[in-house]
Amino acid sequence: MTIDEAVRDLLDVSTDVHSVAVLDATGAVVASGPAGVSSGLGEAVASLWLAAERGAEASGPVALDHILVRDRSGSVAVLSHHGHRIVARTVPDPAVGLLLFDLRTCLGDAFSMDGDEA
């Protein structure tokens, strides 16, 4: 499955996701939908991730795999898996467990090789 196909499948399956972007290890957007994304998305996600790590480390060592930021209009979810990140804009109060499963599945589908995740 290609990255674009995985993104289309995610958008077809997840009723909580409005838009999504997949980033490679450098922060470059490699796929998105349903529309284009801001040129500074990679840097914004990296800054958000760093801030979340620093905040979480105040409680002790952590290994973040996702971040969820909520406001009244919806949420921004970022998930990191096997060197890639996926960021999604969601409806207000998404089903978080299902959302994270869908995002992880999208990355797994997009970057699997012979059934093994890259």
PDB file of N, CA and C in Angstrom:
ATOM      1  N   MET A   1       0.845  -1.171   0.000  1.00  0.00           N
ATOM      2  CA  MET A   1       0.000   0.000   0.000  1.00  0.00           C
ATOM      3  C   MET A   1       0.892   1.237   0.000  1.00  0.00           C
ATOM      4  N   THR A   2       0.533   2.242  -0.788  1.00  0.00           N
ATOM      5  CA  THR A   2       1.301   3.481  -0.810  1.00  0.00           C
ATOM      6  C   THR A   2       0.894   4.377   0.355  1.00  0.00           C
ATOM      7  N   ILE A   3       1.703   5.391   0.598  1.00  0.00           N
ATOM      8  CA  ILE A   3       1.385   6.338   1.662  1.00  0.00           C
ATOM      9  C   ILE A   3       0.069   7.043   1.356  1.00  0.00           C
ATOM     10  N   ASP A   4      -0.115   7.455   0.113  1.00  0.00           N
ATOM     11  CA  ASP A   4      -1.356   8.144  -0.264  1.00  0.00           C
ATOM     12  C   ASP A   4      -2.574   7.248  -0.075  1.00  0.00           C
ATOM     13  N   GLU A   5      -2.441   5.967  -0.396  1.00  0.00           N
ATOM     14  CA  GLU A   5      -3.554   5.029  -0.190  1.00  0.00           C
ATOM     15  C   GLU A   5      -3.858   4.862   1.299  1.00  0.00           C
ATOM     16  N   ALA A   6      -2.821   4.793   2.119  1.00  0.00           N
ATOM     17  CA  ALA A   6      -3.019   4.660   3.565  1.00  0.00           C
ATOM     18  C   ALA A   6      -3.734   5.887   4.131  1.00  0.00           C
ATOM     19  N   VAL A   7      -3.371   7.072   3.647  1.00  0.00           N
ATOM     20  CA  VAL A   7      -4.029   8.302   4.089  1.00  0.00           C
ATOM     21  C   VAL A   7      -5.489   8.304   3.647  1.00  0.00           C
ATOM     22  N   ARG A   8      -5.759   7.916   2.401  1.00  0.00           N
ATOM     23  CA  ARG A   8      -7.149   7.847   1.927  1.00  0.00           C
ATOM     24  C   ARG A   8      -7.964   6.864   2.750  1.00  0.00           C
ATOM     25  N   ASP A   9      -7.378   5.702   3.054  1.00  0.00           N
ATOM     26  CA  ASP A   9      -8.084   4.721   3.887  1.00  0.00           C
ATOM     27  C   ASP A   9      -8.402   5.297   5.263  1.00  0.00           C
ATOM     28  N   LEU A  10      -7.444   5.986   5.867  1.00  0.00           N
ATOM     29  CA  LEU A  10      -7.668   6.595   7.173  1.00  0.00           C
ATOM     30  C   LEU A  10      -8.833   7.580   7.108  1.00  0.00           C
ATOM     31  N   LEU A  11      -8.830   8.438   6.101  1.00  0.00           N
ATOM     32  CA  LEU A  11      -9.891   9.432   5.977  1.00  0.00           C
ATOM     33  C   LEU A  11     -11.245   8.790   5.702  1.00  0.00           C
ATOM     34  N   ASP A  12     -11.244   7.649   5.009  1.00  0.00           N
ATOM     35  CA  ASP A  12     -12.500   6.929   4.747  1.00  0.00           C
ATOM     36  C   ASP A  12     -13.039   6.247   6.001  1.00  0.00           C
ATOM     37  N   VAL A  13     -12.142   5.743   6.839  1.00  0.00           N
ATOM     38  CA  VAL A  13     -12.533   4.936   7.993  1.00  0.00           C
ATOM     39  C   VAL A  13     -12.809   5.775   9.239  1.00  0.00           C
ATOM     40  N   SER A  14     -11.981   6.765   9.488  1.00  0.00           N
ATOM     41  CA  SER A  14     -12.073   7.517  10.739  1.00  0.00           C
ATOM     42  C   SER A  14     -12.991   8.723  10.586  1.00  0.00           C
ATOM     43  N   THR A  15     -14.117   8.677  11.262  1.00  0.00           N
ATOM     44  CA  THR A  15     -15.054   9.799  11.228  1.00  0.00           C
ATOM     45  C   THR A  15     -14.583  10.945  12.111  1.00  0.00           C
ATOM     46  N   ASP A  16     -13.580  10.705  12.956  1.00  0.00           N
ATOM     47  CA  ASP A  16     -13.056  11.746  13.837  1.00  0.00           C
ATOM     48  C   ASP A  16     -12.018  12.641  13.156  1.00  0.00           C
ATOM     49  N   VAL A  17     -11.420  12.193  12.060  1.00  0.00           N
ATOM     50  CA  VAL A  17     -10.320  12.915  11.423  1.00  0.00           C
ATOM     51  C   VAL A  17     -10.832  13.811  10.304  1.00  0.00           C
ATOM     52  N   HIS A  18     -10.505  15.111  10.408  1.00  0.00           N
ATOM     53  CA  HIS A  18     -10.826  16.073   9.339  1.00  0.00           C
ATOM     54  C   HIS A  18      -9.716  16.126   8.301  1.00  0.00           C
ATOM     55  N   SER A  19      -8.463  16.168   8.771  1.00  0.00           N
ATOM     56  CA  SER A  19      -7.317  16.243   7.871  1.00  0.00           C
ATOM     57  C   SER A  19      -6.134  15.561   8.525  1.00  0.00           C
ATOM     58  N   VAL A  20      -5.176  15.171   7.688  1.00  0.00           N
ATOM     59  CA  VAL A  20      -4.045  14.398   8.185  1.00  0.00           C
ATOM     60  C   VAL A  20      -2.820  14.684   7.322  1.00  0.00           C
ATOM     61  N   ALA A  21      -1.647  14.586   7.954  1.00  0.00           N
ATOM     62  CA  ALA A  21      -0.388  14.693   7.224  1.00  0.00           C
ATOM     63  C   ALA A  21       0.583  13.679   7.813  1.00  0.00           C
ATOM     64  N   VAL A  22       1.349  13.049   6.940  1.00  0.00           N
ATOM     65  CA  VAL A  22       2.370  12.084   7.341  1.00  0.00           C
ATOM     66  C   VAL A  22       3.724  12.745   7.108  1.00  0.00           C
ATOM     67  N   LEU A  23       4.583  12.671   8.129  1.00  0.00           N
ATOM     68  CA  LEU A  23       5.901  13.287   8.062  1.00  0.00           C
ATOM     69  C   LEU A  23       6.979  12.223   8.153  1.00  0.00           C
ATOM     70  N   ASP A  24       8.069  12.429   7.426  1.00  0.00           N
ATOM     71  CA  ASP A  24       9.182  11.492   7.534  1.00  0.00           C
ATOM     72  C   ASP A  24      10.068  11.886   8.713  1.00  0.00           C
ATOM     73  N   ALA A  25      11.184  11.193   8.878  1.00  0.00           N
ATOM     74  CA  ALA A  25      12.056  11.415  10.032  1.00  0.00           C
ATOM     75  C   ALA A  25      12.651  12.821  10.056  1.00  0.00           C
ATOM     76  N   THR A  26      12.714  13.496   8.912  1.00  0.00           N
ATOM     77  CA  THR A  26      13.250  14.857   8.860  1.00  0.00           C
ATOM     78  C   THR A  26      12.182  15.912   9.115  1.00  0.00           C
ATOM     79  N   GLY A  27      10.915  15.495   9.192  1.00  0.00           N
ATOM     80  CA  GLY A  27       9.817  16.433   9.383  1.00  0.00           C
ATOM     81  C   GLY A  27       9.176  16.890   8.090  1.00  0.00           C
ATOM     82  N   ALA A  28       9.637  16.357   6.972  1.00  0.00           N
ATOM     83  CA  ALA A  28       9.053  16.712   5.671  1.00  0.00           C
ATOM     84  C   ALA A  28       7.721  15.988   5.492  1.00  0.00           C
ATOM     85  N   VAL A  29       6.733  16.707   4.972  1.00  0.00           N
ATOM     86  CA  VAL A  29       5.426  16.110   4.702  1.00  0.00           C
ATOM     87  C   VAL A  29       5.557  15.223   3.466  1.00  0.00           C
ATOM     88  N   VAL A  30       5.219  13.934   3.632  1.00  0.00           N
ATOM     89  CA  VAL A  30       5.303  12.989   2.515  1.00  0.00           C
ATOM     90  C   VAL A  30       3.939  12.625   1.957  1.00  0.00           C
ATOM     91  N   ALA A  31       2.879  12.951   2.699  1.00  0.00           N
ATOM     92  CA  ALA A  31       1.512  12.728   2.222  1.00  0.00           C
ATOM     93  C   ALA A  31       0.572  13.529   3.098  1.00  0.00           C
ATOM     94  N   SER A  32      -0.556  13.940   2.515  1.00  0.00           N
ATOM     95  CA  SER A  32      -1.549  14.667   3.299  1.00  0.00           C
ATOM     96  C   SER A  32      -2.903  14.549   2.633  1.00  0.00           C
ATOM     97  N   GLY A  33      -3.911  14.881   3.385  1.00  0.00           N
ATOM     98  CA  GLY A  33      -5.251  14.874   2.829  1.00  0.00           C
ATOM     99  C   GLY A  33      -6.202  15.522   3.808  1.00  0.00           C
ATOM    100  N   PRO A  34      -7.291  16.034   3.389  1.00  0.00           N
ATOM    101  CA  PRO A  34      -7.751  16.095   2.009  1.00  0.00           C
ATOM    102  C   PRO A  34      -7.164  17.263   1.235  1.00  0.00           C
ATOM    103  N   ALA A  35      -6.444  18.183   1.890  1.00  0.00           N
ATOM    104  CA  ALA A  35      -5.874  19.331   1.178  1.00  0.00           C
ATOM    105  C   ALA A  35      -4.402  19.468   1.553  1.00  0.00           C
ATOM    106  N   GLY A  36      -3.750  20.421   0.939  1.00  0.00           N
ATOM    107  CA  GLY A  36      -2.356  20.684   1.236  1.00  0.00           C
ATOM    108  C   GLY A  36      -2.167  21.168   2.662  1.00  0.00           C
ATOM    109  N   VAL A  37      -0.923  21.263   3.088  1.00  0.00           N
ATOM    110  CA  VAL A  37      -0.611  21.669   4.453  1.00  0.00           C
ATOM    111  C   VAL A  37       0.346  22.849   4.440  1.00  0.00           C
ATOM    112  N   SER A  38       0.435  23.503   5.559  1.00  0.00           N
ATOM    113  CA  SER A  38       1.332  24.635   5.726  1.00  0.00           C
ATOM    114  C   SER A  38       2.779  24.212   5.540  1.00  0.00           C
ATOM    115  N   SER A  39       3.569  25.090   4.955  1.00  0.00           N
ATOM    116  CA  SER A  39       4.979  24.759   4.727  1.00  0.00           C
ATOM    117  C   SER A  39       5.753  24.609   6.034  1.00  0.00           C
ATOM    118  N   GLY A  40       5.254  25.164   7.131  1.00  0.00           N
ATOM    119  CA  GLY A  40       5.943  25.063   8.408  1.00  0.00           C
ATOM    120  C   GLY A  40       5.433  23.964   9.315  1.00  0.00           C
ATOM    121  N   LEU A  41       4.640  23.048   8.775  1.00  0.00           N
ATOM    122  CA  LEU A  41       4.046  22.013   9.617  1.00  0.00           C
ATOM    123  C   LEU A  41       5.089  21.155  10.320  1.00  0.00           C
ATOM    124  N   GLY A  42       6.111  20.718   9.614  1.00  0.00           N
ATOM    125  CA  GLY A  42       7.137  19.870  10.215  1.00  0.00           C
ATOM    126  C   GLY A  42       7.805  20.520  11.409  1.00  0.00           C
ATOM    127  N   GLU A  43       8.144  21.808  11.256  1.00  0.00           N
ATOM    128  CA  GLU A  43       8.775  22.537  12.356  1.00  0.00           C
ATOM    129  C   GLU A  43       7.813  22.720  13.524  1.00  0.00           C
ATOM    130  N   ALA A  44       6.548  23.001  13.231  1.00  0.00           N
ATOM    131  CA  ALA A  44       5.552  23.173  14.286  1.00  0.00           C
ATOM    132  C   ALA A  44       5.356  21.875  15.072  1.00  0.00           C
ATOM    133  N   VAL A  45       5.288  20.753  14.372  1.00  0.00           N
ATOM    134  CA  VAL A  45       5.124  19.459  15.036  1.00  0.00           C
ATOM    135  C   VAL A  45       6.355  19.143  15.881  1.00  0.00           C
ATOM    136  N   ALA A  46       7.542  19.414  15.350  1.00  0.00           N
ATOM    137  CA  ALA A  46       8.770  19.164  16.117  1.00  0.00           C
ATOM    138  C   ALA A  46       8.807  20.017  17.386  1.00  0.00           C
ATOM    139  N   SER A  47       8.388  21.268  17.288  1.00  0.00           N
ATOM    140  CA  SER A  47       8.365  22.149  18.468  1.00  0.00           C
ATOM    141  C   SER A  47       7.351  21.668  19.496  1.00  0.00           C
ATOM    142  N   LEU A  48       6.175  21.269  19.025  1.00  0.00           N
ATOM    143  CA  LEU A  48       5.147  20.743  19.919  1.00  0.00           C
ATOM    144  C   LEU A  48       5.641  19.482  20.620  1.00  0.00           C
ATOM    145  N   TRP A  49       6.272  18.598  19.867  1.00  0.00           N
ATOM    146  CA  TRP A  49       6.785  17.344  20.428  1.00  0.00           C
ATOM    147  C   TRP A  49       7.832  17.625  21.504  1.00  0.00           C
ATOM    148  N   LEU A  50       8.755  18.540  21.217  1.00  0.00           N
ATOM    149  CA  LEU A  50       9.806  18.886  22.172  1.00  0.00           C
ATOM    150  C   LEU A  50       9.207  19.482  23.448  1.00  0.00           C
ATOM    151  N   ALA A  51       8.234  20.360  23.297  1.00  0.00           N
ATOM    152  CA  ALA A  51       7.580  20.951  24.469  1.00  0.00           C
ATOM    153  C   ALA A  51       6.873  19.879  25.292  1.00  0.00           C
ATOM    154  N   ALA A  52       6.213  18.947  24.633  1.00  0.00           N
ATOM    155  CA  ALA A  52       5.530  17.865  25.351  1.00  0.00           C
ATOM    156  C   ALA A  52       6.532  16.974  26.081  1.00  0.00           C
ATOM    157  N   GLU A  53       7.654  16.660  25.432  1.00  0.00           N
ATOM    158  CA  GLU A  53       8.682  15.844  26.083  1.00  0.00           C
ATOM    159  C   GLU A  53       9.234  16.548  27.323  1.00  0.00           C
ATOM    160  N   ARG A  54       9.515  17.821  27.187  1.00  0.00           N
ATOM    161  CA  ARG A  54      10.052  18.573  28.326  1.00  0.00           C
ATOM    162  C   ARG A  54       9.050  18.637  29.471  1.00  0.00           C
ATOM    163  N   GLY A  55       7.792  18.852  29.133  1.00  0.00           N
ATOM    164  CA  GLY A  55       6.761  18.886  30.166  1.00  0.00           C
ATOM    165  C   GLY A  55       6.587  17.554  30.861  1.00  0.00           C
ATOM    166  N   ALA A  56       6.625  16.485  30.080  1.00  0.00           N
ATOM    167  CA  ALA A  56       6.448  15.151  30.643  1.00  0.00           C
ATOM    168  C   ALA A  56       7.650  14.737  31.483  1.00  0.00           C
ATOM    169  N   GLU A  57       8.846  15.158  31.083  1.00  0.00           N
ATOM    170  CA  GLU A  57      10.058  14.788  31.817  1.00  0.00           C
ATOM    171  C   GLU A  57      10.096  15.389  33.220  1.00  0.00           C
ATOM    172  N   ALA A  58       9.288  16.410  33.464  1.00  0.00           N
ATOM    173  CA  ALA A  58       9.228  16.989  34.803  1.00  0.00           C
ATOM    174  C   ALA A  58       8.744  15.959  35.818  1.00  0.00           C
ATOM    175  N   SER A  59       8.025  14.939  35.339  1.00  0.00           N
ATOM    176  CA  SER A  59       7.530  13.869  36.209  1.00  0.00           C
ATOM    177  C   SER A  59       8.448  12.660  36.223  1.00  0.00           C
ATOM    178  N   GLY A  60       9.501  12.686  35.431  1.00  0.00           N
ATOM    179  CA  GLY A  60      10.427  11.563  35.347  1.00  0.00           C
ATOM    180  C   GLY A  60      10.650  11.169  33.903  1.00  0.00           C
ATOM    181  N   PRO A  61      11.511  10.181  33.667  1.00  0.00           N
ATOM    182  CA  PRO A  61      11.814   9.762  32.294  1.00  0.00           C
ATOM    183  C   PRO A  61      10.548   9.273  31.564  1.00  0.00           C
ATOM    184  N   VAL A  62      10.431   9.653  30.299  1.00  0.00           N
ATOM    185  CA  VAL A  62       9.272   9.266  29.498  1.00  0.00           C
ATOM    186  C   VAL A  62       9.713   8.873  28.092  1.00  0.00           C
ATOM    187  N   ALA A  63       8.861   8.126  27.444  1.00  0.00           N
ATOM    188  CA  ALA A  63       9.035   7.805  26.028  1.00  0.00           C
ATOM    189  C   ALA A  63       7.687   8.084  25.364  1.00  0.00           C
ATOM    190  N   LEU A  64       7.493   9.314  24.913  1.00  0.00           N
ATOM    191  CA  LEU A  64       6.224   9.683  24.292  1.00  0.00           C
ATOM    192  C   LEU A  64       6.020   8.934  22.988  1.00  0.00           C
ATOM    193  N   ASP A  65       4.790   8.536  22.743  1.00  0.00           N
ATOM    194  CA  ASP A  65       4.462   8.010  21.422  1.00  0.00           C
ATOM    195  C   ASP A  65       3.340   8.808  20.775  1.00  0.00           C
ATOM    196  N   HIS A  66       2.669   9.663  21.578  1.00  0.00           N
ATOM    197  CA  HIS A  66       1.628  10.513  21.008  1.00  0.00           C
ATOM    198  C   HIS A  66       1.392  11.748  21.871  1.00  0.00           C
ATOM    199  N   ILE A  67       0.777  12.743  21.230  1.00  0.00           N
ATOM    200  CA  ILE A  67       0.380  13.979  21.885  1.00  0.00           C
ATOM    201  C   ILE A  67      -1.033  14.288  21.411  1.00  0.00           C
ATOM    202  N   LEU A  68      -1.867  14.781  22.305  1.00  0.00           N
ATOM    203  CA  LEU A  68      -3.211  15.208  21.935  1.00  0.00           C
ATOM    204  C   LEU A  68      -3.455  16.575  22.569  1.00  0.00           C
ATOM    205  N   VAL A  69      -3.727  17.561  21.726  1.00  0.00           N
ATOM    206  CA  VAL A  69      -4.013  18.913  22.181  1.00  0.00           C
ATOM    207  C   VAL A  69      -5.449  19.218  21.782  1.00  0.00           C
ATOM    208  N   ARG A  70      -6.263  19.575  22.774  1.00  0.00           N
ATOM    209  CA  ARG A  70      -7.685  19.816  22.521  1.00  0.00           C
ATOM    210  C   ARG A  70      -8.027  21.291  22.679  1.00  0.00           C
ATOM    211  N   ASP A  71      -8.995  21.730  21.878  1.00  0.00           N
ATOM    212  CA  ASP A  71      -9.643  23.017  22.092  1.00  0.00           C
ATOM    213  C   ASP A  71     -11.120  22.851  21.745  1.00  0.00           C
ATOM    214  N   ARG A  72     -11.876  23.933  21.784  1.00  0.00           N
ATOM    215  CA  ARG A  72     -13.320  23.811  21.551  1.00  0.00           C
ATOM    216  C   ARG A  72     -13.670  23.354  20.138  1.00  0.00           C
ATOM    217  N   SER A  73     -12.843  23.688  19.178  1.00  0.00           N
ATOM    218  CA  SER A  73     -13.177  23.362  17.782  1.00  0.00           C
ATOM    219  C   SER A  73     -12.699  21.976  17.354  1.00  0.00           C
ATOM    220  N   GLY A  74     -11.868  21.338  18.166  1.00  0.00           N
ATOM    221  CA  GLY A  74     -11.362  20.012  17.814  1.00  0.00           C
ATOM    222  C   GLY A  74     -10.046  19.735  18.502  1.00  0.00           C
ATOM    223  N   SER A  75      -9.326  18.776  17.974  1.00  0.00           N
ATOM    224  CA  SER A  75      -8.044  18.383  18.560  1.00  0.00           C
ATOM    225  C   SER A  75      -6.997  18.259  17.473  1.00  0.00           C
ATOM    226  N   VAL A  76      -5.755  18.334  17.911  1.00  0.00           N
ATOM    227  CA  VAL A  76      -4.625  17.999  17.060  1.00  0.00           C
ATOM    228  C   VAL A  76      -3.952  16.813  17.724  1.00  0.00           C
ATOM    229  N   ALA A  77      -3.818  15.738  16.977  1.00  0.00           N
ATOM    230  CA  ALA A  77      -3.166  14.540  17.488  1.00  0.00           C
ATOM    231  C   ALA A  77      -1.891  14.309  16.678  1.00  0.00           C
ATOM    232  N   VAL A  78      -0.814  13.993  17.383  1.00  0.00           N
ATOM    233  CA  VAL A  78       0.448  13.646  16.733  1.00  0.00           C
ATOM    234  C   VAL A  78       0.864  12.304  17.293  1.00  0.00           C
ATOM    235  N   LEU A  79       1.210  11.376  16.412  1.00  0.00           N
ATOM    236  CA  LEU A  79       1.656  10.050  16.831  1.00  0.00           C
ATOM    237  C   LEU A  79       2.974   9.756  16.145  1.00  0.00           C
ATOM    238  N   SER A  80       3.917   9.237  16.889  1.00  0.00           N
ATOM    239  CA  SER A  80       5.223   8.873  16.359  1.00  0.00           C
ATOM    240  C   SER A  80       5.353   7.358  16.402  1.00  0.00           C
ATOM    241  N   HIS A  81       5.800   6.781  15.279  1.00  0.00           N
ATOM    242  CA  HIS A  81       5.885   5.327  15.190  1.00  0.00           C
ATOM    243  C   HIS A  81       6.948   4.958  14.162  1.00  0.00           C
ATOM    244  N   HIS A  82       7.973   4.242  14.591  1.00  0.00           N
ATOM    245  CA  HIS A  82       9.028   3.757  13.707  1.00  0.00           C
ATOM    246  C   HIS A  82       9.657   4.862  12.859  1.00  0.00           C
ATOM    247  N   GLY A  83       9.976   5.994  13.493  1.00  0.00           N
ATOM    248  CA  GLY A  83      10.683   7.057  12.803  1.00  0.00           C
ATOM    249  C   GLY A  83       9.835   7.984  11.958  1.00  0.00           C
ATOM    250  N   HIS A  84       8.550   7.787  11.964  1.00  0.00           N
ATOM    251  CA  HIS A  84       7.648   8.653  11.207  1.00  0.00           C
ATOM    252  C   HIS A  84       6.650   9.264  12.170  1.00  0.00           C
ATOM    253  N   ARG A  85       6.078  10.383  11.757  1.00  0.00           N
ATOM    254  CA  ARG A  85       5.020  11.008  12.556  1.00  0.00           C
ATOM    255  C   ARG A  85       3.816  11.248  11.668  1.00  0.00           C
ATOM    256  N   ILE A  86       2.661  11.199  12.306  1.00  0.00           N
ATOM    257  CA  ILE A  86       1.413  11.514  11.633  1.00  0.00           C
ATOM    258  C   ILE A  86       0.696  12.524  12.506  1.00  0.00           C
ATOM    259  N   VAL A  87       0.161  13.553  11.871  1.00  0.00           N
ATOM    260  CA  VAL A  87      -0.560  14.598  12.594  1.00  0.00           C
ATOM    261  C   VAL A  87      -1.954  14.711  11.989  1.00  0.00           C
ATOM    262  N   ALA A  88      -2.949  14.780  12.864  1.00  0.00           N
ATOM    263  CA  ALA A  88      -4.335  14.826  12.405  1.00  0.00           C
ATOM    264  C   ALA A  88      -5.094  15.923  13.122  1.00  0.00           C
ATOM    265  N   ARG A  89      -5.955  16.583  12.396  1.00  0.00           N
ATOM    266  CA  ARG A  89      -6.917  17.542  12.970  1.00  0.00           C
ATOM    267  C   ARG A  89      -8.225  16.797  13.098  1.00  0.00           C
ATOM    268  N   THR A  90      -8.853  16.869  14.267  1.00  0.00           N
ATOM    269  CA  THR A  90     -10.034  16.045  14.537  1.00  0.00           C
ATOM    270  C   THR A  90     -11.251  16.882  14.911  1.00  0.00           C
ATOM    271  N   VAL A  91     -12.345  16.189  15.029  1.00  0.00           N
ATOM    272  CA  VAL A  91     -13.576  16.757  15.560  1.00  0.00           C
ATOM    273  C   VAL A  91     -13.380  17.019  17.059  1.00  0.00           C
ATOM    274  N   PRO A  92     -14.247  17.829  17.671  1.00  0.00           N
ATOM    275  CA  PRO A  92     -14.175  17.976  19.133  1.00  0.00           C
ATOM    276  C   PRO A  92     -14.424  16.625  19.820  1.00  0.00           C
ATOM    277  N   ASP A  93     -13.726  16.375  20.887  1.00  0.00           N
ATOM    278  CA  ASP A  93     -13.880  15.159  21.694  1.00  0.00           C
ATOM    279  C   ASP A  93     -13.823  13.865  20.878  1.00  0.00           C
ATOM    280  N   PRO A  94     -12.715  13.612  20.187  1.00  0.00           N
ATOM    281  CA  PRO A  94     -12.607  12.369  19.430  1.00  0.00           C
ATOM    282  C   PRO A  94     -12.515  11.165  20.370  1.00  0.00           C
ATOM    283  N   ALA A  95     -12.836   9.993  19.848  1.00  0.00           N
ATOM    284  CA  ALA A  95     -12.637   8.741  20.589  1.00  0.00           C
ATOM    285  C   ALA A  95     -11.133   8.463  20.551  1.00  0.00           C
ATOM    286  N   VAL A  96     -10.430   8.861  21.591  1.00  0.00           N
ATOM    287  CA  VAL A  96      -8.970   8.912  21.580  1.00  0.00           C
ATOM    288  C   VAL A  96      -8.336   7.553  21.303  1.00  0.00           C
ATOM    289  N   GLY A  97      -8.783   6.524  21.974  1.00  0.00           N
ATOM    290  CA  GLY A  97      -8.205   5.193  21.756  1.00  0.00           C
ATOM    291  C   GLY A  97      -8.343   4.750  20.317  1.00  0.00           C
ATOM    292  N   LEU A  98      -9.520   4.933  19.753  1.00  0.00           N
ATOM    293  CA  LEU A  98      -9.755   4.561  18.353  1.00  0.00           C
ATOM    294  C   LEU A  98      -8.950   5.449  17.414  1.00  0.00           C
ATOM    295  N   LEU A  99      -8.868   6.735  17.718  1.00  0.00           N
ATOM    296  CA  LEU A  99      -8.087   7.661  16.899  1.00  0.00           C
ATOM    297  C   LEU A  99      -6.625   7.236  16.851  1.00  0.00           C
ATOM    298  N   LEU A 100      -6.036   6.941  18.003  1.00  0.00           N
ATOM    299  CA  LEU A 100      -4.633   6.521  18.046  1.00  0.00           C
ATOM    300  C   LEU A 100      -4.425   5.209  17.307  1.00  0.00           C
ATOM    301  N   PHE A 101      -5.368   4.287  17.438  1.00  0.00           N
ATOM    302  CA  PHE A 101      -5.300   3.025  16.691  1.00  0.00           C
ATOM    303  C   PHE A 101      -5.308   3.299  15.192  1.00  0.00           C
ATOM    304  N   ASP A 102      -6.218   4.173  14.745  1.00  0.00           N
ATOM    305  CA  ASP A 102      -6.319   4.491  13.317  1.00  0.00           C
ATOM    306  C   ASP A 102      -5.050   5.156  12.798  1.00  0.00           C
ATOM    307  N   LEU A 103      -4.478   6.073  13.575  1.00  0.00           N
ATOM    308  CA  LEU A 103      -3.248   6.742  13.153  1.00  0.00           C
ATOM    309  C   LEU A 103      -2.085   5.756  13.084  1.00  0.00           C
ATOM    310  N   ARG A 104      -1.977   4.893  14.088  1.00  0.00           N
ATOM    311  CA  ARG A 104      -0.907   3.883  14.098  1.00  0.00           C
ATOM    312  C   ARG A 104      -1.066   2.913  12.923  1.00  0.00           C
ATOM    313  N   THR A 105      -2.301   2.539  12.627  1.00  0.00           N
ATOM    314  CA  THR A 105      -2.567   1.645  11.500  1.00  0.00           C
ATOM    315  C   THR A 105      -2.181   2.310  10.186  1.00  0.00           C
ATOM    316  N   CYS A 106      -2.498   3.583  10.044  1.00  0.00           N
ATOM    317  CA  CYS A 106      -2.148   4.309   8.832  1.00  0.00           C
ATOM    318  C   CYS A 106      -0.641   4.302   8.616  1.00  0.00           C
ATOM    319  N   LEU A 107       0.120   4.606   9.662  1.00  0.00           N
ATOM    320  CA  LEU A 107       1.582   4.580   9.526  1.00  0.00           C
ATOM    321  C   LEU A 107       2.085   3.175   9.229  1.00  0.00           C
ATOM    322  N   GLY A 108       1.523   2.177   9.886  1.00  0.00           N
ATOM    323  CA  GLY A 108       1.928   0.795   9.627  1.00  0.00           C
ATOM    324  C   GLY A 108       1.644   0.386   8.201  1.00  0.00           C
ATOM    325  N   ASP A 109       0.464   0.752   7.690  1.00  0.00           N
ATOM    326  CA  ASP A 109       0.114   0.448   6.297  1.00  0.00           C
ATOM    327  C   ASP A 109       1.004   1.182   5.318  1.00  0.00           C
ATOM    328  N   ALA A 110       1.313   2.435   5.626  1.00  0.00           N
ATOM    329  CA  ALA A 110       2.088   3.267   4.718  1.00  0.00           C
ATOM    330  C   ALA A 110       3.555   2.831   4.619  1.00  0.00           C
ATOM    331  N   PHE A 111       4.095   2.301   5.713  1.00  0.00           N
ATOM    332  CA  PHE A 111       5.517   2.007   5.739  1.00  0.00           C
ATOM    333  C   PHE A 111       5.842   0.548   5.991  1.00  0.00           C
ATOM    334  N   SER A 112       4.884  -0.342   5.713  1.00  0.00           N
ATOM    335  CA  SER A 112       5.180  -1.765   5.908  1.00  0.00           C
ATOM    336  C   SER A 112       5.906  -2.311   4.690  1.00  0.00           C
ATOM    337  N   MET A 113       6.776  -3.274   4.953  1.00  0.00           N
ATOM    338  CA  MET A 113       7.511  -3.948   3.883  1.00  0.00           C
ATOM    339  C   MET A 113       7.376  -5.443   4.114  1.00  0.00           C
ATOM    340  N   ASP A 114       6.733  -6.108   3.201  1.00  0.00           N
ATOM    341  CA  ASP A 114       6.518  -7.559   3.304  1.00  0.00           C
ATOM    342  C   ASP A 114       5.871  -7.933   4.636  1.00  0.00           C
ATOM    343  N   GLY A 115       4.949  -7.064   5.098  1.00  0.00           N
ATOM    344  CA  GLY A 115       4.216  -7.377   6.317  1.00  0.00           C
ATOM    345  C   GLY A 115       4.889  -6.910   7.583  1.00  0.00           C
ATOM    346  N   ASP A 116       6.153  -6.469   7.502  1.00  0.00           N
ATOM    347  CA  ASP A 116       6.869  -5.967   8.674  1.00  0.00           C
ATOM    348  C   ASP A 116       6.922  -4.461   8.607  1.00  0.00           C
ATOM    349  N   GLU A 117       6.719  -3.806   9.746  1.00  0.00           N
ATOM    350  CA  GLU A 117       6.791  -2.354   9.777  1.00  0.00           C
ATOM    351  C   GLU A 117       8.225  -1.903   9.690  1.00  0.00           C
ATOM    352  N   ALA A 118       8.445  -0.831   8.932  1.00  0.00           N
ATOM    353  CA  ALA A 118       9.792  -0.290   8.752  1.00  0.00           C
ATOM    354  C   ALA A 118      10.209   0.521   9.957  1.00  0.00           C
TER     355      ALA A 118
END
